[in-house]
């Protein structure tokens, strides 16, 4: 039997459903138009249910105010003396309903003790009998949800600024795609879109959203359609103070809606990961250094790792080893420690290369078992293996798996580019580096991708394009960098610069340019380009290396 009839606009279906479920939990029979039978006329069923109901709860909103159906149902309820009104977005009610008591549920999150909801329950109980509003002494708000140990984010419903309710589907689809892309990143805790949909159209502060959902970051967005084009604007907020951390917009045609949603979702997911991680690193840097947990130690290792210096890499390795000692199942820390060992081997930053190779391989094997479907951890495993194992086969398999799990992981694309450079596939390497930079244009990934693009251009014999990219690496790190710079300058006839690079190579490594070519270039043709460039630099008294 129907006690309550719910009247609402289609755009507020999620709110109407939540209201109906809350009333059912009080023991009432509730009907709304999602229960229409397929074999009967719409208007006939509506009138029958409206007549039978003892109370009619009208969910007023900006869309409901414009709906002839809602107005008609509300007017019938008013005439029959069984109208209960509530407003979910502060919309101005039409006459004569603006002169009738209306409960304010603009910020209602389902808490039974909320004053507006108590008013609704009291009105329904007076009309029907039975349940009563909870006593006033229970008005204390629910405590805030605890924050997860890892960064947490909520993607709020995107505002449809097109003035066309039919475009709501596109805005909702955009949110779903972004949530799906973010959930592929195991380093971030993402709230399900079903939990954020209840905030649609409401004016709620970032701090209040964070309190209710237990998140640290909030992503907001809007969609505006004009003609055949669409503009999608997004911004990332720190929920603690509402400060904007990042914002961007995307303009495109609507020729392929799903392809556009995929493109925006991957771009947003790609930039959120490094932006959030940078914010987390700043937070942890301000904390006392005593009693640090494994995750804090992992965060502190990040900037040291990306500095690509001998001393900082060693410090990063110590922090990661401490993190692993605290949590032996911390797959990401284990995988990154393996990459640190590979860097010590590749860059000749140790007197005991064999020890770093063995330790790195052991950690990479452990990390492979721990990584699961964490694309970034798998990318670190691949990064370690490609410099520690003589064959690139296992590294290639691992990085392809990482990319299939999360095509929005910029670091995985970077590692894929590095691997294909070593495999002597510069065309694929350049494409991978471009993807990495597009997904993460602001972090240290960009610099690594740029100078390795120079390495790929060298392999292509495009020396004039390679040189400025190589020179962007203002702090020379790897011995191979000096060797490739010398060979590039040799091919371009810039002999004095080539010889200066050779002198720096002698100062930082006991390996010759030929040895480095054997380590870094799988194909004979690329080793030949290196040898020829070095020979040009050594001509006329350049000296052997």
Protein backbone atom coordinates (compact mmCIF):
# COMPACT_ATOMS: atom_id res chain seq x y z
CA UNK A 1 0.00 0.00 0.00
CA UNK A 2 1.26 3.50 -0.89
CA UNK A 3 1.55 5.91 2.04
CA UNK A 4 3.71 8.50 0.29
CA UNK A 5 3.91 9.72 -3.32
CA UNK A 6 7.24 11.35 -4.32
CA UNK A 7 7.07 14.13 -6.93
CA UNK A 8 10.34 15.34 -8.46
CA UNK A 9 12.13 16.43 -11.66
CA UNK A 10 14.08 13.82 -13.58
CA UNK A 11 17.41 15.62 -13.00
CA UNK A 12 17.05 15.07 -9.23
CA UNK A 13 16.31 11.34 -9.41
CA UNK A 14 19.26 10.46 -7.17
CA UNK A 15 18.01 12.81 -4.41
CA UNK A 16 14.43 11.56 -4.77
CA UNK A 17 15.62 7.97 -4.47
CA UNK A 18 17.56 8.78 -1.30
CA UNK A 19 14.51 10.53 0.21
CA UNK A 20 12.29 7.57 -0.69
CA UNK A 21 14.70 5.09 0.90
CA UNK A 22 14.92 7.19 4.08
CA UNK A 23 11.12 7.25 4.38
CA UNK A 24 10.88 3.50 3.73
CA UNK A 25 13.36 2.94 6.55
CA UNK A 26 10.76 4.56 8.84
CA UNK A 27 8.20 1.92 7.81
CA UNK A 28 6.25 3.87 5.19
CA UNK A 29 5.16 2.58 1.80
CA UNK A 30 6.65 4.96 -0.79
CA UNK A 31 5.99 5.24 -4.52
CA UNK A 32 7.80 7.18 -7.21
CA UNK A 33 7.59 6.92 -10.98
CA UNK A 34 10.49 4.51 -11.42
CA UNK A 35 7.92 1.84 -10.54
CA UNK A 36 5.64 2.53 -13.52
CA UNK A 37 4.33 -0.71 -15.05
CA UNK A 38 5.13 -1.19 -18.72
CA UNK A 39 1.57 -2.08 -19.78
CA UNK A 40 -0.31 0.96 -18.43
CA UNK A 41 -0.61 4.60 -19.46
CA UNK A 42 1.71 6.96 -17.59
CA UNK A 43 -0.91 9.57 -16.67
CA UNK A 44 -3.39 6.93 -15.53
CA UNK A 45 -0.95 5.34 -13.07
CA UNK A 46 0.24 8.72 -11.76
CA UNK A 47 -3.29 9.86 -11.03
CA UNK A 48 -4.16 6.56 -9.34
CA UNK A 49 -1.08 6.64 -7.07
CA UNK A 50 -1.51 10.33 -6.31
CA UNK A 51 -5.10 9.72 -5.27
CA UNK A 52 -4.22 6.76 -3.05
CA UNK A 53 -1.30 8.40 -1.22
CA UNK A 54 -1.84 9.85 2.24
CA UNK A 55 1.05 12.29 1.81
CA UNK A 56 2.70 13.79 -1.28
CA UNK A 57 6.33 14.80 -0.83
CA UNK A 58 7.32 17.34 -3.48
CA UNK A 59 11.07 17.66 -4.10
CA UNK A 60 11.45 21.23 -5.35
CA UNK A 61 14.51 22.13 -7.42
CA UNK A 62 15.36 24.52 -10.26
CA UNK A 63 14.18 21.90 -12.75
CA UNK A 64 11.10 20.94 -10.74
CA UNK A 65 9.94 24.57 -10.69
CA UNK A 66 9.82 24.46 -14.51
CA UNK A 67 8.12 21.05 -14.69
CA UNK A 68 4.38 21.03 -15.50
CA UNK A 69 4.14 17.51 -14.07
CA UNK A 70 5.59 18.51 -10.69
CA UNK A 71 3.43 21.65 -10.57
CA UNK A 72 0.28 19.65 -11.33
CA UNK A 73 1.07 16.95 -8.76
CA UNK A 74 1.93 19.55 -6.11
CA UNK A 75 -1.27 21.48 -6.82
CA UNK A 76 -3.41 18.31 -6.50
CA UNK A 77 -1.70 17.51 -3.17
CA UNK A 78 -2.30 21.08 -1.95
CA UNK A 79 -5.99 20.89 -2.82
CA UNK A 80 -6.30 17.52 -1.05
CA UNK A 81 -4.50 18.78 2.06
CA UNK A 82 -1.61 16.27 1.90
CA UNK A 83 1.30 18.36 0.58
CA UNK A 84 4.77 18.08 2.16
CA UNK A 85 7.37 20.35 0.51
CA UNK A 86 11.15 20.29 0.59
CA UNK A 87 13.73 22.26 -1.38
CA UNK A 88 17.10 20.74 -2.33
CA UNK A 89 18.84 23.62 -4.14
CA UNK A 90 17.33 26.89 -2.90
CA UNK A 91 15.19 27.38 -6.04
CA UNK A 92 12.42 30.00 -5.74
CA UNK A 93 9.09 28.21 -5.47
CA UNK A 94 6.22 29.13 -7.80
CA UNK A 95 3.02 30.67 -6.51
CA UNK A 96 1.09 29.66 -4.43
CA UNK A 97 3.61 27.17 -3.06
CA UNK A 98 5.98 29.93 -1.95
CA UNK A 99 3.53 30.82 0.82
CA UNK A 100 3.43 27.25 2.24
CA UNK A 101 5.93 25.83 4.74
CA UNK A 102 8.89 24.18 2.91
CA UNK A 103 11.75 22.22 4.53
CA UNK A 104 15.28 23.19 3.50
CA UNK A 105 17.28 20.10 2.50
CA UNK A 106 19.89 21.90 0.37
CA UNK A 107 22.74 20.41 2.40
CA UNK A 108 21.11 17.17 3.51
CA UNK A 109 23.42 14.17 3.49
CA UNK A 110 21.01 11.56 4.81
CA UNK A 111 21.55 12.27 8.53
CA UNK A 112 18.24 11.68 10.32
CA UNK A 113 18.84 14.43 12.89
CA UNK A 114 19.15 17.23 10.31
CA UNK A 115 16.53 19.91 11.19
CA UNK A 116 15.09 20.07 7.67
CA UNK A 117 14.65 16.30 7.52
CA UNK A 118 13.08 16.25 10.99
CA UNK A 119 10.54 18.75 9.68
CA UNK A 120 9.70 16.49 6.72
CA UNK A 121 9.32 13.43 8.96
CA UNK A 122 7.12 15.34 11.40
CA UNK A 123 4.80 16.52 8.59
CA UNK A 124 4.54 13.03 7.11
CA UNK A 125 3.87 11.52 10.53
CA UNK A 126 1.08 14.06 11.16
CA UNK A 127 -0.60 13.18 7.86
CA UNK A 128 -0.15 9.41 8.09
CA UNK A 129 0.59 8.54 11.71
CA UNK A 130 3.34 6.19 12.87
CA UNK A 131 6.94 7.37 12.87
CA UNK A 132 7.94 10.60 14.55
CA UNK A 133 10.96 12.87 14.24
CA UNK A 134 13.97 11.85 16.35
CA UNK A 135 14.19 13.72 19.66
CA UNK A 136 16.08 17.02 19.62
CA UNK A 137 18.78 15.70 21.96
CA UNK A 138 20.13 13.57 19.05
CA UNK A 139 21.02 16.59 16.92
CA UNK A 140 24.80 16.14 17.21
CA UNK A 141 26.28 15.79 13.68
CA UNK A 142 27.94 12.60 12.58
CA UNK A 143 31.70 12.62 13.22
CA UNK A 144 33.91 13.19 10.16
CA UNK A 145 35.13 10.12 8.33
CA UNK A 146 38.77 9.21 8.90
CA UNK A 147 41.15 9.94 6.03
CA UNK A 148 42.72 6.91 4.31
CA UNK A 149 46.49 6.47 4.69
CA UNK A 150 47.01 7.22 0.99
CA UNK A 151 45.89 10.37 -0.88
CA UNK A 152 42.11 10.42 -1.31
CA UNK A 153 39.95 12.24 -3.85
CA UNK A 154 36.28 12.73 -4.68
CA UNK A 155 35.18 13.61 -8.22
CA UNK A 156 32.07 15.74 -7.83
CA UNK A 157 29.17 15.75 -10.34
CA UNK A 158 30.05 18.04 -13.24
CA UNK A 159 27.83 21.08 -13.72
CA UNK A 160 25.94 21.15 -17.01
CA UNK A 161 26.22 24.78 -18.18
CA UNK A 162 24.68 24.09 -21.58
CA UNK A 163 21.13 24.92 -20.56
CA UNK A 164 20.13 21.60 -22.11
CA UNK A 165 19.07 18.86 -19.65
CA UNK A 166 19.78 16.31 -22.37
CA UNK A 167 23.49 17.02 -21.89
CA UNK A 168 23.37 15.71 -18.31
CA UNK A 169 24.24 12.29 -19.68
CA UNK A 170 27.49 13.63 -21.14
CA UNK A 171 28.48 15.36 -17.89
CA UNK A 172 27.71 12.18 -15.90
CA UNK A 173 29.64 10.07 -18.39
CA UNK A 174 32.61 12.40 -18.05
CA UNK A 175 32.65 11.89 -14.28
CA UNK A 176 32.40 8.11 -14.66
CA UNK A 177 35.34 8.04 -17.09
CA UNK A 178 37.54 10.17 -14.82
CA UNK A 179 36.70 8.04 -11.78
CA UNK A 180 37.49 4.88 -13.77
CA UNK A 181 40.82 6.34 -14.94
CA UNK A 182 41.78 7.44 -11.42
CA UNK A 183 40.95 4.09 -9.86
CA UNK A 184 43.60 2.49 -12.05
CA UNK A 185 46.17 4.38 -9.99
CA UNK A 186 46.60 2.30 -6.85
CA UNK A 187 48.40 5.14 -5.06
CA UNK A 188 45.17 7.18 -4.84
CA UNK A 189 41.97 6.32 -2.94
CA UNK A 190 38.98 7.34 -5.10
CA UNK A 191 35.42 7.75 -3.81
CA UNK A 192 32.79 6.04 -5.97
CA UNK A 193 30.65 8.39 -8.08
CA UNK A 194 27.52 6.97 -6.47
CA UNK A 195 28.62 8.60 -3.20
CA UNK A 196 29.23 12.02 -4.78
CA UNK A 197 26.06 12.13 -6.89
CA UNK A 198 24.02 13.23 -3.88
CA UNK A 199 25.83 16.59 -3.93
CA UNK A 200 24.57 17.46 -7.42
CA UNK A 201 23.32 21.02 -7.64
CA UNK A 202 24.03 21.80 -3.98
CA UNK A 203 26.13 24.57 -2.54
CA UNK A 204 28.38 22.68 -0.13
CA UNK A 205 31.87 23.82 0.86
CA UNK A 206 34.91 21.68 0.02
CA UNK A 207 35.58 21.32 3.73
CA UNK A 208 32.10 19.90 4.36
CA UNK A 209 32.35 17.52 1.42
CA UNK A 210 35.70 16.31 2.73
CA UNK A 211 34.22 15.81 6.21
CA UNK A 212 31.33 13.73 4.91
CA UNK A 213 33.25 11.65 2.40
CA UNK A 214 36.60 11.35 4.20
CA UNK A 215 38.77 12.76 1.39
CA UNK A 216 41.69 15.16 1.13
CA UNK A 217 41.21 16.40 -2.45
CA UNK A 218 38.20 17.33 -4.57
CA UNK A 219 37.88 17.51 -8.35
CA UNK A 220 35.17 19.80 -9.73
CA UNK A 221 34.17 20.32 -13.32
CA UNK A 222 31.66 21.75 -15.76
CA UNK A 223 30.49 21.03 -19.28
CA UNK A 224 29.32 23.70 -21.72
CA UNK A 225 28.01 22.71 -25.15
CA UNK A 226 27.49 25.19 -28.00
CA UNK A 227 26.63 23.94 -31.44
CA UNK A 228 28.85 21.01 -32.30
CA UNK A 229 31.57 21.96 -29.82
CA UNK A 230 32.00 21.35 -26.11
CA UNK A 231 34.17 22.92 -23.42
CA UNK A 232 35.08 20.90 -20.33
CA UNK A 233 36.60 22.79 -17.41
CA UNK A 234 38.13 21.01 -14.40
CA UNK A 235 39.88 22.10 -11.23
CA UNK A 236 41.53 20.26 -8.34
CA UNK A 237 41.03 21.61 -4.81
CA UNK A 238 42.75 20.96 -1.51
CA UNK A 239 39.75 20.29 0.71
CA UNK A 240 41.51 21.54 3.85
CA UNK A 241 41.28 25.17 2.77
CA UNK A 242 39.51 25.07 -0.59
CA UNK A 243 42.66 26.29 -2.37
CA UNK A 244 42.90 25.54 -6.08
CA UNK A 245 45.86 23.29 -6.88
CA UNK A 246 45.40 22.90 -10.63
CA UNK A 247 42.90 23.80 -13.34
CA UNK A 248 42.57 23.23 -17.06
CA UNK A 249 39.99 23.18 -19.82
CA UNK A 250 39.45 21.09 -22.91
CA UNK A 251 37.79 22.32 -26.10
CA UNK A 252 36.78 19.92 -28.84
CA UNK A 253 34.02 18.79 -31.17
CA UNK A 254 31.32 16.30 -30.26
CA UNK A 255 31.95 14.13 -33.31
CA UNK A 256 33.01 11.18 -31.14
CA UNK A 257 31.65 11.69 -27.62
CA UNK A 258 33.22 8.55 -26.15
CA UNK A 259 36.67 9.26 -27.60
CA UNK A 260 36.49 12.78 -26.16
CA UNK A 261 35.54 11.43 -22.72
CA UNK A 262 38.47 8.98 -22.85
CA UNK A 263 40.90 11.74 -23.87
CA UNK A 264 39.86 14.11 -21.10
CA UNK A 265 39.73 11.34 -18.48
CA UNK A 266 43.28 10.17 -19.24
CA UNK A 267 44.61 13.74 -19.30
CA UNK A 268 42.98 14.62 -15.98
CA UNK A 269 44.06 11.36 -14.32
CA UNK A 270 47.60 11.84 -15.63
CA UNK A 271 48.00 15.31 -14.14
CA UNK A 272 46.24 14.55 -10.85
CA UNK A 273 48.71 11.83 -9.83
CA UNK A 274 51.85 14.04 -9.82
CA UNK A 275 49.96 17.09 -8.53
CA UNK A 276 48.56 15.18 -5.56
CA UNK A 277 51.88 13.46 -4.90
CA UNK A 278 53.69 16.82 -4.90
CA UNK A 279 51.17 18.15 -2.37
CA UNK A 280 51.63 15.06 -0.20
CA UNK A 281 55.41 15.48 -0.33
CA UNK A 282 55.08 19.10 0.81
CA UNK A 283 52.85 17.99 3.69
CA UNK A 284 55.17 15.24 4.85
CA UNK A 285 58.19 17.54 4.64
CA UNK A 286 56.59 19.74 7.31
CA UNK A 287 56.04 16.87 9.73
CA UNK A 288 58.50 15.95 12.50
CA UNK A 289 61.06 13.43 11.34
CA UNK A 290 60.58 11.15 14.36
CA UNK A 291 58.46 8.00 14.13
CA UNK A 292 57.85 8.27 10.41
CA UNK A 293 55.68 5.58 8.89
CA UNK A 294 56.50 3.65 5.73
CA UNK A 295 54.39 5.88 3.50
CA UNK A 296 56.00 9.06 4.87
CA UNK A 297 59.45 7.61 4.21
CA UNK A 298 58.36 6.70 0.68
CA UNK A 299 57.14 10.27 0.06
CA UNK A 300 60.39 11.75 1.36
CA UNK A 301 62.33 9.56 -1.05
CA UNK A 302 60.50 10.93 -4.11
CA UNK A 303 62.26 14.31 -4.61
CA UNK A 304 65.61 12.70 -3.80
CA UNK A 305 65.07 10.06 -6.46
CA UNK A 306 64.03 12.57 -9.14
CA UNK A 307 67.04 14.80 -8.47
CA UNK A 308 69.16 12.16 -10.31
CA UNK A 309 72.33 12.83 -8.36
CA UNK A 310 74.66 10.24 -6.87
CA UNK A 311 74.23 11.49 -3.30
CA UNK A 312 70.46 11.99 -3.44
CA UNK A 313 69.88 8.61 -5.07
CA UNK A 314 71.78 6.94 -2.23
CA UNK A 315 69.68 8.88 0.30
CA UNK A 316 66.47 7.86 -1.48
CA UNK A 317 67.56 4.23 -1.34
CA UNK A 318 68.15 4.43 2.42
CA UNK A 319 64.66 5.91 3.00
CA UNK A 320 63.02 3.28 0.82
CA UNK A 321 64.85 0.48 2.59
CA UNK A 322 63.58 1.88 5.91
CA UNK A 323 60.04 1.96 4.51
CA UNK A 324 60.33 -1.67 3.39
CA UNK A 325 61.72 -2.65 6.81
CA UNK A 326 58.55 -1.21 8.38
CA UNK A 327 56.27 -2.84 5.82
CA UNK A 328 57.68 -5.72 3.82
CA UNK A 329 54.48 -5.81 1.70
CA UNK A 330 54.86 -2.18 0.52
CA UNK A 331 55.18 -3.11 -3.17
CA UNK A 332 55.68 0.43 -4.45
CA UNK A 333 58.61 1.09 -2.08
CA UNK A 334 60.18 -2.28 -2.94
CA UNK A 335 59.86 -1.56 -6.68
CA UNK A 336 61.29 1.95 -6.41
CA UNK A 337 64.23 0.70 -4.36
CA UNK A 338 64.97 -1.74 -7.20
CA UNK A 339 65.02 1.18 -9.64
CA UNK A 340 67.45 3.05 -7.36
CA UNK A 341 69.84 0.10 -7.58
CA UNK A 342 69.50 0.11 -11.38
CA UNK A 343 70.42 3.81 -11.43
CA UNK A 344 73.53 3.08 -9.36
CA UNK A 345 74.49 0.48 -11.99
CA UNK A 346 73.60 2.50 -15.10
CA UNK A 347 75.26 5.68 -13.94
CA UNK A 348 78.30 3.94 -12.43
CA UNK A 349 77.64 5.56 -9.05
CA UNK A 350 79.19 2.79 -6.98
CA UNK A 351 82.45 0.91 -6.60
CA UNK A 352 80.48 -2.31 -6.19
CA UNK A 353 78.27 -2.52 -9.27
CA UNK A 354 77.80 -6.29 -8.85
CA UNK A 355 76.29 -5.85 -5.38
CA UNK A 356 73.79 -3.24 -6.61
CA UNK A 357 72.85 -5.46 -9.56
CA UNK A 358 72.18 -8.45 -7.29
CA UNK A 359 70.23 -6.40 -4.73
CA UNK A 360 68.21 -4.70 -7.45
CA UNK A 361 67.27 -7.98 -9.13
CA UNK A 362 66.19 -9.45 -5.79
CA UNK A 363 63.99 -6.43 -5.03
CA UNK A 364 62.53 -6.40 -8.56
CA UNK A 365 61.51 -10.05 -8.22
CA UNK A 366 59.90 -9.35 -4.85
CA UNK A 367 58.15 -6.26 -6.18
CA UNK A 368 56.75 -8.17 -9.13
CA UNK A 369 54.95 -10.48 -6.70
CA UNK A 370 53.72 -7.57 -4.58
CA UNK A 371 52.71 -5.08 -7.28
CA UNK A 372 49.47 -6.76 -8.31
CA UNK A 373 47.61 -4.33 -10.59
CA UNK A 374 49.52 -1.22 -9.49
CA UNK A 375 50.72 0.16 -12.84
CA UNK A 376 53.27 2.55 -11.37
CA UNK A 377 54.86 -0.17 -9.23
CA UNK A 378 55.03 -2.45 -12.27
CA UNK A 379 56.64 0.37 -14.25
CA UNK A 380 59.37 0.63 -11.59
CA UNK A 381 59.90 -3.12 -11.86
CA UNK A 382 60.31 -2.81 -15.63
CA UNK A 383 62.63 0.18 -15.15
CA UNK A 384 64.82 -1.87 -12.83
CA UNK A 385 64.89 -4.99 -14.98
CA UNK A 386 65.83 -3.21 -18.22
CA UNK A 387 69.17 -2.13 -16.74
CA UNK A 388 69.87 -5.11 -14.51
CA UNK A 389 69.11 -8.07 -16.78
CA UNK A 390 71.00 -8.80 -20.01
CA UNK A 391 67.75 -9.52 -21.88
CA UNK A 392 64.96 -6.90 -22.14
CA UNK A 393 62.22 -9.50 -22.60
CA UNK A 394 60.94 -9.57 -19.02
CA UNK A 395 61.02 -5.78 -18.75
CA UNK A 396 59.03 -5.50 -22.01
CA UNK A 397 56.36 -7.89 -20.74
CA UNK A 398 56.02 -6.04 -17.43
CA UNK A 399 55.75 -2.57 -18.96
CA UNK A 400 53.11 -3.69 -21.46
CA UNK A 401 51.10 -5.06 -18.55
CA UNK A 402 51.45 -1.76 -16.69
CA UNK A 403 50.21 0.22 -19.68
CA UNK A 404 47.26 -2.09 -20.22
CA UNK A 405 46.27 -1.69 -16.56
CA UNK A 406 46.57 2.09 -16.56
CA UNK A 407 47.11 3.91 -19.88
CA UNK A 408 46.97 7.17 -17.95
CA UNK A 409 50.16 6.48 -15.97
CA UNK A 410 52.75 8.95 -17.28
CA UNK A 411 55.61 7.15 -15.54
CA UNK A 412 54.74 3.88 -17.30
CA UNK A 413 54.92 5.66 -20.68
CA UNK A 414 58.28 7.16 -19.68
CA UNK A 415 59.68 3.73 -18.82
CA UNK A 416 58.25 2.31 -22.04
CA UNK A 417 60.11 5.02 -23.96
CA UNK A 418 63.35 4.30 -22.10
CA UNK A 419 63.03 0.60 -22.85
CA UNK A 420 62.35 1.13 -26.56
CA UNK A 421 65.34 3.45 -26.76
CA UNK A 422 67.50 0.62 -25.42
CA UNK A 423 65.85 -1.78 -27.85
CA UNK A 424 66.82 0.51 -30.72
CA UNK A 425 63.23 1.48 -31.62
CA UNK A 426 63.47 5.29 -31.61
CA UNK A 427 60.16 5.96 -33.40
CA UNK A 428 58.20 4.09 -30.72
CA UNK A 429 60.35 5.64 -28.00
CA UNK A 430 59.64 9.22 -29.17
CA UNK A 431 55.88 8.51 -29.29
CA UNK A 432 55.99 7.11 -25.75
CA UNK A 433 57.93 10.10 -24.43
CA UNK A 434 55.43 12.48 -26.04
CA UNK A 435 52.57 10.64 -24.34
CA UNK A 436 54.35 10.80 -20.97
CA UNK A 437 54.86 14.56 -21.26
CA UNK A 438 51.27 15.13 -22.41
CA UNK A 439 49.97 13.27 -19.36
CA UNK A 440 52.40 14.91 -16.93
CA UNK A 441 53.83 18.14 -18.38
CA UNK A 442 54.97 19.74 -15.12
CA UNK A 443 56.99 17.21 -13.12
CA UNK A 444 60.52 15.87 -13.46
CA UNK A 445 59.18 13.32 -15.95
CA UNK A 446 59.28 16.03 -18.60
CA UNK A 447 63.03 16.61 -18.27
CA UNK A 448 63.84 12.89 -18.36
CA UNK A 449 61.59 12.40 -21.39
CA UNK A 450 63.12 15.35 -23.22
CA UNK A 451 66.76 14.30 -22.92
CA UNK A 452 65.92 10.70 -23.77
CA UNK A 453 64.02 11.98 -26.80
CA UNK A 454 67.38 13.50 -27.73
CA UNK A 455 68.91 10.03 -27.39
CA UNK A 456 66.23 8.63 -29.71
CA UNK A 457 66.81 11.43 -32.24
CA UNK A 458 70.51 10.55 -32.16
CA UNK A 459 69.61 6.96 -33.04
CA UNK A 460 67.56 8.31 -35.96
CA UNK A 461 70.59 10.24 -37.19
CA UNK A 462 68.78 13.55 -36.61
CA UNK A 463 71.74 15.15 -34.84
CA UNK A 464 70.66 18.79 -35.16
CA UNK A 465 67.37 17.94 -33.39
CA UNK A 466 69.09 15.76 -30.82
CA UNK A 467 71.62 18.32 -29.61
CA UNK A 468 69.33 20.93 -27.98
CA UNK A 469 67.31 18.18 -26.28
CA UNK A 470 70.47 16.60 -24.86
CA UNK A 471 71.78 19.98 -23.71
CA UNK A 472 68.52 20.66 -21.79
CA UNK A 473 69.90 18.29 -19.17
CA UNK A 474 71.76 21.08 -17.41
CA UNK A 475 73.19 18.77 -14.74
CA UNK A 476 74.97 15.91 -16.45
CA UNK A 477 74.18 12.64 -14.75
CA UNK A 478 74.83 9.46 -16.74
CA UNK A 479 78.16 8.65 -18.40
CA UNK A 480 76.23 7.78 -21.55
CA UNK A 481 75.01 11.40 -21.63
CA UNK A 482 78.59 12.63 -22.10
CA UNK A 483 79.29 9.98 -24.71
CA UNK A 484 76.17 10.78 -26.79
CA UNK A 485 76.81 14.52 -26.47
CA UNK A 486 80.36 14.04 -27.71
CA UNK A 487 79.23 11.89 -30.64
CA UNK A 488 76.42 14.30 -31.56
CA UNK A 489 78.80 17.26 -31.57
CA UNK A 490 81.28 15.19 -33.57
CA UNK A 491 78.68 14.49 -36.28
CA UNK A 492 77.77 18.20 -36.37
CA UNK A 493 81.40 19.30 -36.68
CA UNK A 494 81.40 21.00 -33.27
CA UNK A 495 84.74 19.43 -32.37
CA UNK A 496 85.76 21.55 -29.39
CA UNK A 497 82.44 20.84 -27.65
CA UNK A 498 82.78 17.16 -28.51
CA UNK A 499 86.25 16.98 -26.95
CA UNK A 500 85.04 18.78 -23.81
CA UNK A 501 82.28 16.15 -23.44
CA UNK A 502 84.88 13.38 -23.83
CA UNK A 503 87.02 14.95 -21.11
CA UNK A 504 84.04 15.00 -18.74
CA UNK A 505 83.33 11.35 -19.60
CA UNK A 506 86.86 10.36 -18.58
CA UNK A 507 86.38 12.20 -15.28
CA UNK A 508 83.16 10.45 -14.27
CA UNK A 509 83.52 6.91 -15.62
CA UNK A 510 86.11 4.20 -16.16
CA UNK A 511 84.02 2.93 -19.09
CA UNK A 512 84.88 3.93 -22.64
CA UNK A 513 82.34 5.30 -25.09
CA UNK A 514 82.47 1.92 -26.85
CA UNK A 515 81.64 0.11 -23.58
CA UNK A 516 78.71 2.46 -23.01
CA UNK A 517 77.46 1.90 -26.53
CA UNK A 518 77.44 -1.86 -25.88
CA UNK A 519 75.44 -1.33 -22.68
CA UNK A 520 72.88 1.18 -23.98
CA UNK A 521 72.46 0.39 -27.69
CA UNK A 522 71.13 -3.02 -28.67
CA UNK A 523 71.50 -2.49 -32.44
CA UNK A 524 74.85 -2.41 -34.23
CA UNK A 525 73.79 0.53 -36.40
CA UNK A 526 73.30 2.74 -33.34
CA UNK A 527 76.57 1.62 -31.80
CA UNK A 528 78.12 2.56 -35.16
CA UNK A 529 76.63 6.07 -35.00
CA UNK A 530 78.17 6.53 -31.56
CA UNK A 531 81.57 5.19 -32.64
CA UNK A 532 81.62 7.34 -35.79
CA UNK A 533 80.78 10.50 -33.85
CA UNK A 534 83.46 9.79 -31.27
CA UNK A 535 85.99 9.11 -34.05
CA UNK A 536 85.21 12.51 -35.59
CA UNK A 537 85.74 14.14 -32.20
CA UNK A 538 89.06 12.34 -31.67
CA UNK A 539 90.43 13.17 -35.10
CA UNK A 540 93.45 15.44 -35.26
CA UNK A 541 94.67 14.84 -31.74
CA UNK A 542 91.44 14.37 -29.85
CA UNK A 543 92.88 11.40 -27.97
CA UNK A 544 91.51 7.97 -27.29
CA UNK A 545 88.74 7.40 -24.77
